[in-house]
């Protein structure tokens, strides 16, 4: 298989009579990011159809900056129910219905569909539109974990990954933060208000749908939001298998211990051949220099608005 090289991520090898599918990050930052934008991603298929992977609260700003019209998307995938990944879905739905007059497909992992329906109904009710059901805006496709859906010449396997552990959300990976270090605004809340349930996110393994020799294409792994430390042994083994199977890995990363994301320190513990194909995203705006990241053995940071081809 071709070795991923940064930043030479395009290939001229023949794939099919159409264009090569590609992945393009509109934003590469975390929830609080302003400069880097939230990690919303555009997948362009072999015939040019577009799939939006996650729809964060700054989606319309990212699309405007990239000069990408929301009308160009025929489908959207939501990895999990956090605002930087689904907070712009109501805007996208309303725009599709009232402006572009089209009905996109919505792919979503079946375990989170009912909660997404409830959230969506609440947000559209607040906006006073009176059309509450997801199905009023989208052709909804529920995807079972570990199964696949196809979109425009590519296969997307939905992989459940650990995201939030059932600990205090203001702690390290190994133990809750000492009580005297918990911010007062949180410490004053009822205890149950800042204990969170275990939460999964649904990553994607992306491959061509055609039966092609490995030398003619690349497979991509998109981690969505993932905290290896929150995973069971089986979940971590599943992640390691996904890394091994992919030619390029896009992995969210926290520069400091974080209960929701794999830390940079943890990613440094991965084997060298794994680190060499990892591009990091979901970072803070004040991240380390890329040269420092590359000196740790990683491929680098995910560049914005650059196509990674399958």
Protein backbone atom coordinates (compact mmCIF):
# COMPACT_ATOMS: atom_id res chain seq x y z
CA UNK A 1 0.00 0.00 0.00
CA UNK A 2 1.18 3.53 -0.60
CA UNK A 3 2.89 5.11 2.38
CA UNK A 4 1.12 8.30 3.48
CA UNK A 5 3.48 11.24 3.05
CA UNK A 6 2.82 14.73 4.37
CA UNK A 7 1.86 16.94 2.62
CA UNK A 8 1.90 14.87 -0.61
CA UNK A 9 -1.54 13.36 -0.20
CA UNK A 10 -2.74 13.31 -3.78
CA UNK A 11 -2.25 10.36 -6.10
CA UNK A 12 -2.46 10.02 -9.87
CA UNK A 13 -2.95 6.22 -9.84
CA UNK A 14 -6.07 5.12 -11.78
CA UNK A 15 -9.06 4.45 -9.57
CA UNK A 16 -12.15 4.35 -11.73
CA UNK A 17 -13.47 6.24 -14.76
CA UNK A 18 -14.77 8.87 -12.33
CA UNK A 19 -12.95 11.11 -9.89
CA UNK A 20 -11.18 9.72 -6.83
CA UNK A 21 -13.18 10.08 -3.61
CA UNK A 22 -11.64 12.46 -1.11
CA UNK A 23 -11.93 13.82 2.41
CA UNK A 24 -11.58 17.54 3.15
CA UNK A 25 -11.63 19.06 6.66
CA UNK A 26 -13.44 22.41 6.85
CA UNK A 27 -12.21 22.81 10.42
CA UNK A 28 -9.69 20.96 12.55
CA UNK A 29 -10.18 22.43 16.03
CA UNK A 30 -12.02 21.39 19.15
CA UNK A 31 -15.24 22.56 20.76
CA UNK A 32 -13.78 25.90 21.91
CA UNK A 33 -11.76 26.56 18.78
CA UNK A 34 -12.24 29.86 16.96
CA UNK A 35 -9.26 30.07 14.62
CA UNK A 36 -9.20 26.45 13.52
CA UNK A 37 -12.94 25.83 13.33
CA UNK A 38 -14.77 22.75 14.53
CA UNK A 39 -14.03 19.44 12.87
CA UNK A 40 -16.69 19.29 10.17
CA UNK A 41 -15.60 17.27 7.15
CA UNK A 42 -16.61 17.10 3.49
CA UNK A 43 -16.47 13.74 1.71
CA UNK A 44 -16.68 13.95 -2.08
CA UNK A 45 -17.60 10.72 -3.83
CA UNK A 46 -16.50 9.23 -7.13
CA UNK A 47 -19.21 11.06 -9.10
CA UNK A 48 -18.85 14.32 -7.19
CA UNK A 49 -21.71 13.92 -4.70
CA UNK A 50 -20.93 15.31 -1.27
CA UNK A 51 -21.47 13.86 2.21
CA UNK A 52 -21.14 16.15 5.22
CA UNK A 53 -19.51 14.36 8.15
CA UNK A 54 -20.72 16.08 11.32
CA UNK A 55 -22.41 19.46 11.50
CA UNK A 56 -21.12 21.63 14.34
CA UNK A 57 -22.43 24.93 15.58
CA UNK A 58 -20.07 26.91 13.31
CA UNK A 59 -20.97 24.92 10.20
CA UNK A 60 -22.39 27.81 8.18
CA UNK A 61 -19.32 29.94 8.90
CA UNK A 62 -16.97 27.15 7.84
CA UNK A 63 -18.94 26.56 4.65
CA UNK A 64 -18.91 30.26 3.87
CA UNK A 65 -15.16 30.53 4.48
CA UNK A 66 -14.51 27.54 2.21
CA UNK A 67 -16.95 28.84 -0.42
CA UNK A 68 -18.92 25.59 -0.27
CA UNK A 69 -22.68 25.86 -0.70
CA UNK A 70 -24.86 23.77 1.62
CA UNK A 71 -26.91 22.93 -1.46
CA UNK A 72 -24.07 20.74 -2.73
CA UNK A 73 -24.58 18.12 0.00
CA UNK A 74 -26.84 15.19 -0.72
CA UNK A 75 -26.23 13.50 2.64
CA UNK A 76 -24.95 14.05 6.18
CA UNK A 77 -23.50 11.72 8.81
CA UNK A 78 -23.61 12.51 12.55
CA UNK A 79 -21.01 10.74 14.68
CA UNK A 80 -22.37 11.66 18.12
CA UNK A 81 -24.50 14.16 19.97
CA UNK A 82 -22.18 16.95 21.04
CA UNK A 83 -22.68 20.51 19.84
CA UNK A 84 -19.48 20.71 17.81
CA UNK A 85 -20.65 17.66 15.86
CA UNK A 86 -24.42 18.06 15.60
CA UNK A 87 -25.18 21.61 16.80
CA UNK A 88 -25.53 22.90 13.23
CA UNK A 89 -27.84 20.13 12.04
CA UNK A 90 -31.00 22.17 12.65
CA UNK A 91 -29.63 25.04 10.54
CA UNK A 92 -28.64 22.60 7.78
CA UNK A 93 -32.10 20.98 7.88
CA UNK A 94 -33.96 24.29 7.71
CA UNK A 95 -31.71 25.56 4.92
CA UNK A 96 -32.27 22.36 2.94
CA UNK A 97 -36.05 22.58 3.33
CA UNK A 98 -36.69 26.29 2.86
CA UNK A 99 -33.77 27.49 0.70
CA UNK A 100 -32.35 24.69 -1.39
CA UNK A 101 -35.67 22.80 -1.46
CA UNK A 102 -34.03 19.41 -1.22
CA UNK A 103 -34.17 16.40 1.08
CA UNK A 104 -30.74 15.05 2.05
CA UNK A 105 -30.10 11.59 3.44
CA UNK A 106 -29.15 11.45 7.12
CA UNK A 107 -26.94 8.55 8.17
CA UNK A 108 -26.77 8.00 11.93
CA UNK A 109 -25.79 5.12 14.20
CA UNK A 110 -28.94 3.42 15.45
CA UNK A 111 -28.12 3.67 19.21
CA UNK A 112 -28.21 7.49 19.13
CA UNK A 113 -31.12 7.98 16.72
CA UNK A 114 -33.90 8.28 19.30
CA UNK A 115 -31.94 10.85 21.33
CA UNK A 116 -31.13 12.79 18.17
CA UNK A 117 -34.84 12.85 17.34
CA UNK A 118 -35.65 14.31 20.76
CA UNK A 119 -32.92 16.93 20.53
CA UNK A 120 -33.88 17.90 17.00
CA UNK A 121 -37.57 18.25 17.90
CA UNK A 122 -36.64 20.53 20.80
CA UNK A 123 -34.39 22.78 18.72
CA UNK A 124 -36.82 23.17 15.83
CA UNK A 125 -39.67 23.81 18.26
CA UNK A 126 -37.67 26.64 19.83
CA UNK A 127 -37.21 28.12 16.36
CA UNK A 128 -40.98 28.04 15.90
CA UNK A 129 -40.97 26.21 12.59
CA UNK A 130 -43.55 23.70 13.75
CA UNK A 131 -42.05 20.84 11.72
CA UNK A 132 -40.49 18.67 14.38
CA UNK A 133 -39.62 15.26 12.96
CA UNK A 134 -36.23 14.44 11.51
CA UNK A 135 -38.06 12.66 8.71
CA UNK A 136 -39.67 15.95 7.73
CA UNK A 137 -36.24 17.13 6.60
CA UNK A 138 -34.19 14.01 5.89
CA UNK A 139 -34.39 10.51 4.52
CA UNK A 140 -33.15 8.93 7.74
CA UNK A 141 -30.98 5.82 7.52
CA UNK A 142 -30.19 4.11 10.84
CA UNK A 143 -26.90 2.23 10.64
CA UNK A 144 -26.14 -0.58 13.05
CA UNK A 145 -22.74 -0.37 14.79
CA UNK A 146 -20.01 -2.26 12.89
CA UNK A 147 -22.16 -2.42 9.78
CA UNK A 148 -21.63 -0.32 6.65
CA UNK A 149 -23.43 2.15 4.46
CA UNK A 150 -22.47 3.11 0.93
CA UNK A 151 -22.27 6.56 -0.54
CA UNK A 152 -21.22 7.40 -4.09
CA UNK A 153 -18.67 4.67 -4.65
CA UNK A 154 -17.33 4.27 -1.10
CA UNK A 155 -18.12 2.13 1.92
CA UNK A 156 -18.36 3.60 5.41
CA UNK A 157 -18.06 1.20 8.33
CA UNK A 158 -19.49 2.61 11.56
CA UNK A 159 -17.17 1.78 14.47
CA UNK A 160 -18.30 2.44 18.08
CA UNK A 161 -15.47 4.08 20.02
CA UNK A 162 -15.26 5.20 23.68
CA UNK A 163 -15.72 8.94 24.14
CA UNK A 164 -16.79 9.89 27.68
CA UNK A 165 -16.03 7.77 30.73
CA UNK A 166 -18.41 7.71 33.71
CA UNK A 167 -16.19 9.99 35.80
CA UNK A 168 -16.19 13.64 36.67
CA UNK A 169 -15.87 15.61 33.44
CA UNK A 170 -13.20 17.76 35.07
CA UNK A 171 -10.63 15.08 35.83
CA UNK A 172 -7.66 13.26 34.41
CA UNK A 173 -7.87 9.96 32.60
CA UNK A 174 -7.01 7.92 35.66
CA UNK A 175 -8.90 9.65 38.48
CA UNK A 176 -11.27 12.55 39.12
CA UNK A 177 -9.75 15.94 39.77
CA UNK A 178 -9.24 16.61 43.49
CA UNK A 179 -12.25 18.41 44.92
CA UNK A 180 -10.27 21.54 45.81
CA UNK A 181 -9.21 21.87 42.15
CA UNK A 182 -12.70 21.60 40.71
CA UNK A 183 -13.86 25.05 39.52
CA UNK A 184 -16.28 26.66 41.97
CA UNK A 185 -19.00 27.03 39.35
CA UNK A 186 -19.00 23.26 38.95
CA UNK A 187 -18.42 22.41 42.61
CA UNK A 188 -21.53 24.38 43.53
CA UNK A 189 -23.71 22.19 41.27
CA UNK A 190 -25.53 19.18 42.67
CA UNK A 191 -23.19 16.20 42.46
CA UNK A 192 -25.37 14.42 39.90
CA UNK A 193 -25.21 17.46 37.63
CA UNK A 194 -21.56 16.89 36.83
CA UNK A 195 -21.41 13.13 36.75
CA UNK A 196 -21.92 11.95 33.21
CA UNK A 197 -22.94 8.61 31.72
CA UNK A 198 -20.62 6.62 29.53
CA UNK A 199 -20.87 7.88 25.97
CA UNK A 200 -19.83 6.30 22.71
CA UNK A 201 -19.01 8.05 19.48
CA UNK A 202 -19.21 6.41 16.06
CA UNK A 203 -16.02 6.57 14.04
CA UNK A 204 -15.74 5.75 10.34
CA UNK A 205 -13.56 3.41 8.32
CA UNK A 206 -13.79 4.59 4.71
CA UNK A 207 -12.92 2.38 1.74
CA UNK A 208 -13.81 2.20 -1.95
CA UNK A 209 -16.95 0.19 -2.60
CA UNK A 210 -15.35 -1.45 -5.60
CA UNK A 211 -13.32 -4.65 -5.28
CA UNK A 212 -9.94 -3.12 -6.13
CA UNK A 213 -6.39 -4.28 -5.40
CA UNK A 214 -4.96 -2.59 -2.26
CA UNK A 215 -2.24 -0.95 -4.36
CA UNK A 216 -4.83 1.16 -6.21
CA UNK A 217 -6.54 2.88 -3.28
CA UNK A 218 -6.17 4.00 0.30
CA UNK A 219 -8.41 3.40 3.28
CA UNK A 220 -9.06 6.15 5.82
CA UNK A 221 -10.00 6.04 9.51
CA UNK A 222 -11.80 9.02 11.07
CA UNK A 223 -11.90 8.74 14.87
CA UNK A 224 -14.82 11.17 15.40
CA UNK A 225 -14.27 11.86 19.14
CA UNK A 226 -12.41 9.10 20.94
CA UNK A 227 -10.86 8.59 24.37
CA UNK A 228 -8.82 5.38 24.42
CA UNK A 229 -8.55 5.56 28.21
CA UNK A 230 -12.34 5.30 28.54
CA UNK A 231 -12.49 2.12 26.49
CA UNK A 232 -12.84 -1.49 27.46
CA UNK A 233 -10.09 -3.90 26.42
CA UNK A 234 -12.25 -5.01 23.50
CA UNK A 235 -12.86 -1.40 22.38
CA UNK A 236 -9.15 -0.54 22.51
CA UNK A 237 -8.34 -3.71 20.55
CA UNK A 238 -10.95 -2.68 17.97
CA UNK A 239 -9.32 0.75 17.69
CA UNK A 240 -5.88 -0.78 17.23
CA UNK A 241 -7.26 -3.04 14.49
CA UNK A 242 -8.80 -0.01 12.75
CA UNK A 243 -5.46 1.83 12.91
CA UNK A 244 -3.66 -1.17 11.45
CA UNK A 245 -6.16 -1.56 8.61
CA UNK A 246 -6.07 2.11 7.56
CA UNK A 247 -3.50 3.80 5.36
CA UNK A 248 -4.25 7.19 6.91
CA UNK A 249 -5.65 7.81 10.41
CA UNK A 250 -7.33 11.09 11.36
CA UNK A 251 -7.34 11.17 15.16
CA UNK A 252 -8.75 13.70 17.59
CA UNK A 253 -6.22 14.76 20.19
CA UNK A 254 -6.06 16.70 23.43
CA UNK A 255 -2.74 18.28 24.35
CA UNK A 256 -3.51 17.74 28.05
CA UNK A 257 -5.36 14.93 29.88
CA UNK A 258 -9.03 15.17 29.02
CA UNK A 259 -11.97 12.89 29.85
CA UNK A 260 -13.37 13.12 26.33
CA UNK A 261 -10.36 12.78 24.02
CA UNK A 262 -7.24 10.70 23.68
CA UNK A 263 -4.31 12.71 24.99
CA UNK A 264 -1.16 13.44 23.02
CA UNK A 265 0.77 11.46 25.63
CA UNK A 266 -1.37 8.39 25.02
CA UNK A 267 -1.01 8.66 21.26
CA UNK A 268 2.78 8.85 21.69
CA UNK A 269 2.62 5.40 23.26
CA UNK A 270 1.32 3.87 20.03
CA UNK A 271 3.79 1.94 17.83
CA UNK A 272 5.95 3.98 15.51
CA UNK A 273 4.37 2.56 12.35
CA UNK A 274 0.96 3.61 13.66
CA UNK A 275 2.04 7.13 14.66
CA UNK A 276 3.60 7.69 11.25
CA UNK A 277 0.18 7.58 9.55
CA UNK A 278 -1.73 9.64 12.13
CA UNK A 279 -2.81 13.18 11.34
CA UNK A 280 -4.07 14.99 14.44
CA UNK A 281 -7.15 17.21 14.66
CA UNK A 282 -9.65 18.50 17.25
CA UNK A 283 -6.84 20.48 18.92
CA UNK A 284 -6.92 23.84 20.64
CA UNK A 285 -6.09 27.01 18.76
CA UNK A 286 -2.89 27.30 20.83
CA UNK A 287 -1.48 23.97 19.76
CA UNK A 288 2.14 22.87 19.56
CA UNK A 289 4.17 23.69 16.44
CA UNK A 290 3.74 21.09 13.71
CA UNK A 291 7.48 20.44 13.67
CA UNK A 292 7.21 19.32 17.31
CA UNK A 293 4.34 16.97 16.45
CA UNK A 294 6.29 15.49 13.55
CA UNK A 295 9.35 15.02 15.77
CA UNK A 296 7.14 12.77 17.91
CA UNK A 297 6.64 10.50 14.92
CA UNK A 298 3.22 11.68 13.77
CA UNK A 299 2.43 12.57 10.16
CA UNK A 300 1.40 16.05 11.34
CA UNK A 301 -1.77 18.02 11.87
CA UNK A 302 -4.69 17.65 9.51
CA UNK A 303 -4.45 20.60 7.11
CA UNK A 304 -7.67 22.50 6.46
CA UNK A 305 -9.32 22.44 3.03
CA UNK A 306 -6.86 19.98 1.54
CA UNK A 307 -8.09 16.80 -0.12
CA UNK A 308 -7.06 13.39 1.16
CA UNK A 309 -7.84 10.93 -1.60
CA UNK A 310 -8.84 7.30 -1.25
